[in-house]
N, C-alpha and C. Protein backbone atom coordinates (compact mmCIF):
# COMPACT_ATOMS: atom_id res chain seq x y z
N MET A 1 95.56 145.48 88.94
CA MET A 1 95.64 144.54 89.99
C MET A 1 96.88 143.67 89.26
N PRO A 2 97.85 143.38 90.46
CA PRO A 2 99.02 142.59 89.97
C PRO A 2 98.88 141.10 89.89
N LYS A 3 99.75 140.56 89.10
CA LYS A 3 99.58 139.16 88.57
C LYS A 3 99.57 138.44 89.73
N MET A 4 98.87 137.01 89.90
CA MET A 4 98.84 136.23 91.01
C MET A 4 100.17 135.27 90.55
N LYS A 5 100.70 134.74 91.67
CA LYS A 5 101.86 134.09 91.57
C LYS A 5 101.37 132.54 91.57
N THR A 6 102.17 131.70 90.93
CA THR A 6 102.04 130.29 90.76
C THR A 6 102.73 129.80 92.04
N LYS A 7 102.33 128.75 92.93
CA LYS A 7 103.10 128.22 93.95
C LYS A 7 104.22 127.28 93.10
N SER A 8 105.33 127.60 93.31
CA SER A 8 106.36 126.75 92.86
C SER A 8 106.43 125.12 93.10
N ALA A 9 106.00 124.89 94.21
CA ALA A 9 105.87 123.49 94.56
C ALA A 9 104.76 122.71 93.74
N ALA A 10 103.68 123.47 93.59
CA ALA A 10 102.60 122.83 93.01
C ALA A 10 102.92 122.63 91.27
N LYS A 11 103.62 123.80 90.76
CA LYS A 11 103.86 123.53 89.45
C LYS A 11 104.80 122.24 89.11
N LYS A 12 105.29 122.10 90.07
CA LYS A 12 106.64 120.74 89.90
C LYS A 12 105.72 119.49 90.17
N ARG A 13 104.51 119.23 90.88
CA ARG A 13 103.92 118.20 91.39
C ARG A 13 102.65 117.76 90.31
N PHE A 14 102.36 119.06 89.78
CA PHE A 14 100.85 118.68 88.88
C PHE A 14 101.05 119.23 87.55
N THR A 15 100.12 118.36 86.97
CA THR A 15 99.74 119.06 85.65
C THR A 15 98.35 119.06 85.47
N PHE A 16 97.88 119.71 84.47
CA PHE A 16 96.29 119.49 83.89
C PHE A 16 96.00 119.05 82.66
N THR A 17 94.96 118.32 82.79
CA THR A 17 94.59 117.55 81.24
C THR A 17 93.69 118.52 80.72
N ALA A 18 93.64 118.20 79.37
CA ALA A 18 92.95 118.92 78.31
C ALA A 18 91.69 119.29 78.82
N SER A 19 90.74 118.49 79.63
CA SER A 19 89.66 118.77 79.97
C SER A 19 89.64 119.57 81.46
N GLY A 20 90.82 119.84 81.84
CA GLY A 20 91.06 120.46 83.08
C GLY A 20 90.95 119.75 84.45
N ARG A 21 91.11 118.48 84.28
CA ARG A 21 91.39 117.81 85.58
C ARG A 21 92.97 117.65 86.00
N VAL A 22 93.09 117.30 87.20
CA VAL A 22 94.39 117.40 87.54
C VAL A 22 95.11 116.24 87.83
N LYS A 23 96.29 116.13 86.99
CA LYS A 23 97.49 114.79 87.06
C LYS A 23 98.05 114.94 88.46
N ALA A 24 98.36 113.67 89.02
CA ALA A 24 99.42 113.77 89.93
C ALA A 24 100.17 112.37 90.18
N GLY A 25 101.31 112.45 90.80
CA GLY A 25 101.92 111.37 91.06
C GLY A 25 101.41 110.34 92.26
N VAL A 26 101.23 109.15 92.15
CA VAL A 26 100.81 108.41 92.92
C VAL A 26 101.79 108.33 94.26
N ALA A 27 100.98 108.28 95.37
CA ALA A 27 101.75 108.66 96.75
C ALA A 27 102.31 107.36 97.40
N GLY A 28 103.01 107.25 98.03
CA GLY A 28 103.78 105.99 98.66
C GLY A 28 104.80 105.20 98.02
N LYS A 29 105.43 105.84 97.23
CA LYS A 29 106.49 104.95 96.40
C LYS A 29 107.70 105.70 96.77
N ARG A 30 107.97 106.48 97.65
CA ARG A 30 109.38 107.07 97.78
C ARG A 30 110.36 106.18 98.47
N HIS A 31 109.75 105.43 99.63
CA HIS A 31 110.60 104.42 100.30
C HIS A 31 109.80 103.31 100.85
N GLY A 32 110.35 102.52 101.39
CA GLY A 32 109.57 101.40 102.14
C GLY A 32 109.04 100.34 101.46
N MET A 33 109.68 100.33 100.11
CA MET A 33 109.16 99.22 99.24
C MET A 33 108.99 97.93 99.57
N ILE A 34 109.93 97.55 100.67
CA ILE A 34 110.19 96.05 100.80
C ILE A 34 108.72 95.55 101.68
N LYS A 35 107.94 96.45 102.36
CA LYS A 35 106.89 96.29 103.18
C LYS A 35 105.60 96.44 102.28
N ARG A 36 105.63 96.86 101.08
CA ARG A 36 104.37 96.97 100.17
C ARG A 36 104.15 95.67 99.36
N SER A 37 103.02 95.53 98.98
CA SER A 37 103.04 94.44 98.46
C SER A 37 103.28 94.64 96.74
N THR A 38 103.57 93.63 96.09
CA THR A 38 103.79 93.76 94.70
C THR A 38 102.65 94.22 93.88
N THR A 39 101.39 93.83 94.38
CA THR A 39 100.20 94.37 93.55
C THR A 39 100.15 95.93 93.80
N PHE A 40 100.60 96.61 94.85
CA PHE A 40 100.59 97.90 95.01
C PHE A 40 101.60 98.79 94.38
N ILE A 41 102.83 98.25 94.37
CA ILE A 41 103.85 98.69 93.40
C ILE A 41 103.41 98.92 92.16
N ARG A 42 102.91 97.63 91.54
CA ARG A 42 102.53 97.96 90.25
C ARG A 42 101.24 98.68 90.09
N GLN A 43 100.41 98.71 90.79
CA GLN A 43 99.28 99.60 90.62
C GLN A 43 99.52 100.98 90.62
N ALA A 44 100.53 101.36 91.49
CA ALA A 44 100.98 102.72 91.74
C ALA A 44 102.00 103.36 90.66
N THR A 45 102.18 102.78 89.52
CA THR A 45 103.03 103.30 88.54
C THR A 45 102.16 104.28 87.96
N GLY A 46 103.07 105.19 87.29
CA GLY A 46 102.56 106.38 86.64
C GLY A 46 101.97 107.67 87.47
N THR A 47 100.79 108.06 86.70
CA THR A 47 99.90 109.25 87.34
C THR A 47 98.74 108.74 87.67
N MET A 48 97.95 109.77 88.47
CA MET A 48 96.28 109.34 88.63
C MET A 48 95.96 110.69 88.59
N LEU A 49 94.34 110.75 88.44
CA LEU A 49 93.58 111.94 88.60
C LEU A 49 93.07 112.33 89.88
N LEU A 50 93.43 113.32 90.30
CA LEU A 50 92.70 113.76 91.74
C LEU A 50 91.48 113.91 91.64
N CYS A 51 90.86 113.49 92.99
CA CYS A 51 89.37 113.79 93.07
C CYS A 51 88.94 115.30 93.01
N ASP A 52 87.89 115.47 92.82
CA ASP A 52 87.33 117.12 92.93
C ASP A 52 87.50 117.92 93.71
N SER A 53 87.58 117.25 95.10
CA SER A 53 87.75 118.15 96.05
C SER A 53 89.28 118.63 96.36
N ASP A 54 90.17 117.70 95.96
CA ASP A 54 91.60 117.88 96.06
C ASP A 54 91.85 118.76 94.72
N ALA A 55 91.40 118.63 93.73
CA ALA A 55 91.86 119.30 92.61
C ALA A 55 91.14 120.95 92.74
N LYS A 56 90.34 120.99 93.48
CA LYS A 56 89.77 122.47 93.68
C LYS A 56 90.85 123.26 94.57
N ILE A 57 91.63 122.54 95.51
CA ILE A 57 92.79 123.29 96.24
C ILE A 57 93.84 123.70 95.16
N VAL A 58 94.14 122.31 94.35
CA VAL A 58 95.42 122.74 93.64
C VAL A 58 95.28 123.93 92.59
N LYS A 59 93.96 123.90 92.13
CA LYS A 59 93.48 124.94 90.98
C LYS A 59 93.92 126.55 91.49
N LYS A 60 93.80 126.65 93.01
CA LYS A 60 93.90 127.87 93.84
C LYS A 60 95.43 128.08 93.49
N TYR A 61 96.23 127.01 93.82
CA TYR A 61 97.79 127.45 93.57
C TYR A 61 98.37 127.71 92.23
N MET A 62 97.37 127.34 91.10
CA MET A 62 97.89 127.28 89.91
C MET A 62 96.91 128.27 89.08
N PRO A 63 96.86 129.66 89.13
CA PRO A 63 95.83 130.23 88.71
C PRO A 63 95.93 130.43 87.13
N TYR A 64 97.09 130.27 86.53
CA TYR A 64 96.86 130.44 85.12
C TYR A 64 97.15 129.29 84.45
N ASN A 65 96.91 127.93 84.77
CA ASN A 65 97.36 126.97 84.16
C ASN A 65 95.82 125.95 83.74
N ARG A 66 94.76 126.89 83.79
CA ARG A 66 93.82 126.13 83.27
C ARG A 66 93.18 126.31 82.02
């Protein structure tokens, strides 16, 4: 059976923790910051862990990174 391919878009956007959870950047910070509250901007820095249902989808795109 041939090797499965990793989706290029997924490998650019997601990383895995040592325990196997999926890390991603926080959404909503590309543009339109003037209308966002300063609390939102401050809390949306860095990365976040995806919930289990979203992580299950991402793991299908990245078969060898688990």
